[in-house]
Each structure stands twice: as structure tokens, then as C-alpha cells.
């Protein structure tokens, strides 16, 4: 009986140590799958309009010198 308890205790500790790594790996696989599906969905669907295909560019502000650089 003592041997079985030792085996059960070691198995429980092993599971507690291994569980976070397994959860993280499963989460990474889920994220990778979602990104892959989104990329396929994006490439197969045609753009809605001409403007939708053009990337949005941020307006650049002119460079204003700081008082510290005078």
C-alpha cells in the first residue's frame, strides 16, 4: 500500500508541474489556428471597395524644434 501511495504522490506532483506547460501549449495552438484561419479568410475574400484595399496612412505632423534644441 505504501508503494501505491508513493506512486500516487509522485504522479500528482508531476501533473501539477506539467499542467501549466500543457495549458500553455494548447493555448498557443488555438491562437495559431485562429491566426491561420483569419489569414485564409482575408486572402480568399475580395476587398469591398477600392479604398478597402489601400492601407491607412497616418498623417505626419511637421517637425517642430524643441526649445531645448535651439
N, C-alpha and C. Protein backbone atom coordinates (compact mmCIF):
# COMPACT_ATOMS: atom_id res chain seq x y z
N UNK A 1 0.82 -1.19 0.00
CA UNK A 1 0.00 0.00 0.00
C UNK A 1 0.87 1.26 0.00
N UNK A 2 1.98 1.22 0.68
CA UNK A 2 2.86 2.35 0.77
C UNK A 2 3.45 2.69 -0.60
N UNK A 3 3.76 1.66 -1.39
CA UNK A 3 4.30 1.88 -2.73
C UNK A 3 3.27 2.57 -3.62
N UNK A 4 2.02 2.18 -3.50
CA UNK A 4 0.96 2.81 -4.30
C UNK A 4 0.79 4.28 -3.91
N UNK A 5 0.87 4.60 -2.63
CA UNK A 5 0.76 5.98 -2.19
C UNK A 5 1.93 6.81 -2.70
N UNK A 6 3.11 6.23 -2.68
CA UNK A 6 4.28 6.93 -3.21
C UNK A 6 4.10 7.21 -4.71
N UNK A 7 3.65 6.21 -5.43
CA UNK A 7 3.40 6.36 -6.86
C UNK A 7 2.34 7.43 -7.11
N UNK A 8 1.29 7.43 -6.33
CA UNK A 8 0.21 8.40 -6.48
C UNK A 8 0.71 9.81 -6.15
N UNK A 9 1.52 9.95 -5.13
CA UNK A 9 2.06 11.26 -4.76
C UNK A 9 2.98 11.82 -5.83
N UNK A 10 3.87 10.99 -6.36
CA UNK A 10 4.78 11.42 -7.42
C UNK A 10 3.99 11.77 -8.68
N UNK A 11 2.97 11.00 -9.00
CA UNK A 11 2.14 11.28 -10.17
C UNK A 11 1.41 12.61 -10.02
N UNK A 12 0.92 12.89 -8.82
CA UNK A 12 0.21 14.15 -8.58
C UNK A 12 1.17 15.34 -8.70
N UNK A 13 2.37 15.21 -8.15
CA UNK A 13 3.35 16.29 -8.28
C UNK A 13 3.76 16.50 -9.74
N UNK A 14 3.96 15.41 -10.45
CA UNK A 14 4.31 15.50 -11.86
C UNK A 14 3.21 16.20 -12.66
N UNK A 15 1.95 15.87 -12.35
CA UNK A 15 0.82 16.50 -13.04
C UNK A 15 0.75 18.00 -12.72
N UNK A 16 1.01 18.37 -11.46
CA UNK A 16 0.97 19.78 -11.08
C UNK A 16 2.07 20.58 -11.77
N UNK A 17 3.22 19.96 -11.97
CA UNK A 17 4.32 20.66 -12.63
C UNK A 17 4.08 20.73 -14.13
N UNK A 18 3.52 19.70 -14.70
CA UNK A 18 3.34 19.62 -16.14
C UNK A 18 2.09 20.35 -16.64
N UNK A 19 1.10 20.53 -15.79
CA UNK A 19 -0.18 21.12 -16.20
C UNK A 19 -0.06 22.51 -16.80
N UNK A 20 0.67 23.45 -16.22
CA UNK A 20 0.78 24.79 -16.84
C UNK A 20 1.42 24.76 -18.22
N UNK A 21 2.39 23.89 -18.41
CA UNK A 21 3.03 23.79 -19.73
C UNK A 21 2.05 23.25 -20.76
N UNK A 22 1.26 22.27 -20.39
CA UNK A 22 0.28 21.71 -21.32
C UNK A 22 -0.82 22.72 -21.64
N UNK A 23 -1.25 23.47 -20.66
CA UNK A 23 -2.27 24.50 -20.90
C UNK A 23 -1.71 25.58 -21.83
N UNK A 24 -0.46 25.98 -21.61
CA UNK A 24 0.16 26.99 -22.47
C UNK A 24 0.31 26.50 -23.90
N UNK A 25 0.70 25.24 -24.07
CA UNK A 25 0.85 24.69 -25.41
C UNK A 25 -0.49 24.62 -26.13
N UNK A 26 -1.54 24.24 -25.41
CA UNK A 26 -2.87 24.18 -26.01
C UNK A 26 -3.34 25.58 -26.40
N UNK A 27 -3.04 26.56 -25.58
CA UNK A 27 -3.43 27.95 -25.88
C UNK A 27 -2.69 28.46 -27.11
N UNK A 28 -1.39 28.16 -27.21
CA UNK A 28 -0.61 28.57 -28.37
C UNK A 28 -1.16 27.94 -29.65
N UNK A 29 -1.52 26.67 -29.59
CA UNK A 29 -2.08 26.01 -30.77
C UNK A 29 -3.40 26.64 -31.19
N UNK A 30 -4.23 27.01 -30.19
CA UNK A 30 -5.51 27.65 -30.51
C UNK A 30 -5.29 29.01 -31.16
N UNK A 31 -4.35 29.78 -30.63
CA UNK A 31 -4.06 31.10 -31.21
C UNK A 31 -3.51 30.95 -32.62
N UNK A 32 -2.60 30.00 -32.81
CA UNK A 32 -2.06 29.77 -34.16
C UNK A 32 -3.14 29.38 -35.14
N UNK A 33 -4.07 28.52 -34.70
CA UNK A 33 -5.17 28.10 -35.58
C UNK A 33 -6.06 29.29 -35.94
N UNK A 34 -6.36 30.14 -34.96
CA UNK A 34 -7.20 31.29 -35.24
C UNK A 34 -6.52 32.27 -36.19
N UNK A 35 -5.22 32.47 -36.01
CA UNK A 35 -4.49 33.36 -36.92
C UNK A 35 -4.44 32.79 -38.34
N UNK A 36 -4.23 31.49 -38.44
CA UNK A 36 -4.20 30.84 -39.75
C UNK A 36 -5.55 30.95 -40.46
N UNK A 37 -6.64 30.72 -39.70
CA UNK A 37 -7.97 30.84 -40.29
C UNK A 37 -8.27 32.28 -40.71
N UNK A 38 -7.84 33.24 -39.91
CA UNK A 38 -8.07 34.65 -40.25
C UNK A 38 -7.28 35.03 -41.50
N UNK A 39 -6.07 34.53 -41.64
CA UNK A 39 -5.25 34.83 -42.82
C UNK A 39 -5.87 34.21 -44.07
N UNK A 40 -6.37 32.99 -43.96
CA UNK A 40 -7.03 32.36 -45.11
C UNK A 40 -8.30 33.10 -45.48
N UNK A 41 -9.06 33.50 -44.48
CA UNK A 41 -10.30 34.23 -44.71
C UNK A 41 -10.01 35.58 -45.37
N UNK A 42 -8.94 36.21 -44.96
CA UNK A 42 -8.56 37.51 -45.50
C UNK A 42 -8.10 37.39 -46.95
N UNK A 43 -7.38 36.32 -47.29
CA UNK A 43 -6.86 36.18 -48.64
C UNK A 43 -7.92 35.71 -49.63
N UNK A 44 -8.92 34.96 -49.17
CA UNK A 44 -9.94 34.45 -50.10
C UNK A 44 -11.05 35.46 -50.36
N UNK A 45 -11.28 36.37 -49.43
CA UNK A 45 -12.37 37.34 -49.59
C UNK A 45 -11.87 38.55 -50.37
N UNK A 46 -12.56 38.95 -51.44
CA UNK A 46 -12.14 40.14 -52.18
C UNK A 46 -12.42 41.40 -51.38
N UNK A 47 -11.64 42.46 -51.61
CA UNK A 47 -11.90 43.71 -50.88
C UNK A 47 -13.25 44.29 -51.24
N UNK A 48 -13.87 44.99 -50.31
CA UNK A 48 -15.20 45.53 -50.51
C UNK A 48 -15.21 46.69 -51.51
N UNK A 49 -14.19 47.51 -51.46
CA UNK A 49 -14.10 48.62 -52.39
C UNK A 49 -12.63 48.92 -52.65
N UNK A 50 -12.39 49.91 -53.49
CA UNK A 50 -11.01 50.27 -53.81
C UNK A 50 -10.32 50.83 -52.57
N UNK A 51 -11.04 51.60 -51.77
CA UNK A 51 -10.47 52.17 -50.56
C UNK A 51 -10.13 51.11 -49.52
N UNK A 52 -10.86 49.99 -49.54
CA UNK A 52 -10.61 48.94 -48.56
C UNK A 52 -9.28 48.26 -48.82
N UNK A 53 -8.82 48.24 -50.06
CA UNK A 53 -7.56 47.58 -50.38
C UNK A 53 -6.37 48.47 -50.06
N UNK A 54 -6.58 49.78 -49.93
CA UNK A 54 -5.50 50.71 -49.68
C UNK A 54 -5.23 50.79 -48.19
N UNK A 55 -3.97 50.66 -47.75
CA UNK A 55 -3.69 50.75 -46.32
C UNK A 55 -3.88 52.19 -45.82
N UNK A 56 -4.26 52.29 -44.59
CA UNK A 56 -4.49 53.60 -43.99
C UNK A 56 -3.15 54.18 -43.59
N UNK A 57 -2.87 55.37 -44.06
CA UNK A 57 -1.62 56.04 -43.70
C UNK A 57 -1.89 57.11 -42.68
N UNK A 58 -1.07 57.17 -41.69
CA UNK A 58 -1.24 58.18 -40.65
C UNK A 58 -0.72 59.52 -41.17
N UNK A 59 -1.41 60.59 -40.84
CA UNK A 59 -0.98 61.91 -41.25
C UNK A 59 0.25 62.29 -40.44
N UNK A 60 1.28 62.76 -41.10
CA UNK A 60 2.51 63.13 -40.42
C UNK A 60 2.48 64.60 -40.06
N UNK A 61 2.80 64.88 -38.83
CA UNK A 61 2.87 66.27 -38.40
C UNK A 61 4.25 66.82 -38.74
N UNK A 62 4.32 68.08 -39.08
CA UNK A 62 5.65 68.67 -39.37
C UNK A 62 6.49 68.68 -38.11
N UNK A 63 7.77 68.53 -38.28
CA UNK A 63 8.69 68.52 -37.16
C UNK A 63 8.86 69.93 -36.59
N UNK A 64 8.60 70.07 -35.34
CA UNK A 64 8.74 71.34 -34.64
C UNK A 64 9.92 71.20 -33.69
N UNK A 65 10.87 72.15 -33.83
CA UNK A 65 12.03 72.06 -32.95
C UNK A 65 11.64 72.35 -31.51
N UNK A 66 12.26 71.65 -30.66
CA UNK A 66 12.03 71.84 -29.25
C UNK A 66 12.86 73.03 -28.77
N UNK A 67 12.43 73.67 -27.69
CA UNK A 67 13.20 74.80 -27.16
C UNK A 67 14.57 74.35 -26.68
N UNK A 68 14.71 73.05 -26.34
CA UNK A 68 15.97 72.55 -25.84
C UNK A 68 17.00 72.39 -26.96
N UNK A 69 16.57 72.39 -28.21
CA UNK A 69 17.50 72.20 -29.33
C UNK A 69 17.87 73.50 -30.02
N UNK A 70 17.52 74.61 -29.49
CA UNK A 70 17.81 75.89 -30.12
C UNK A 70 19.28 76.22 -30.00
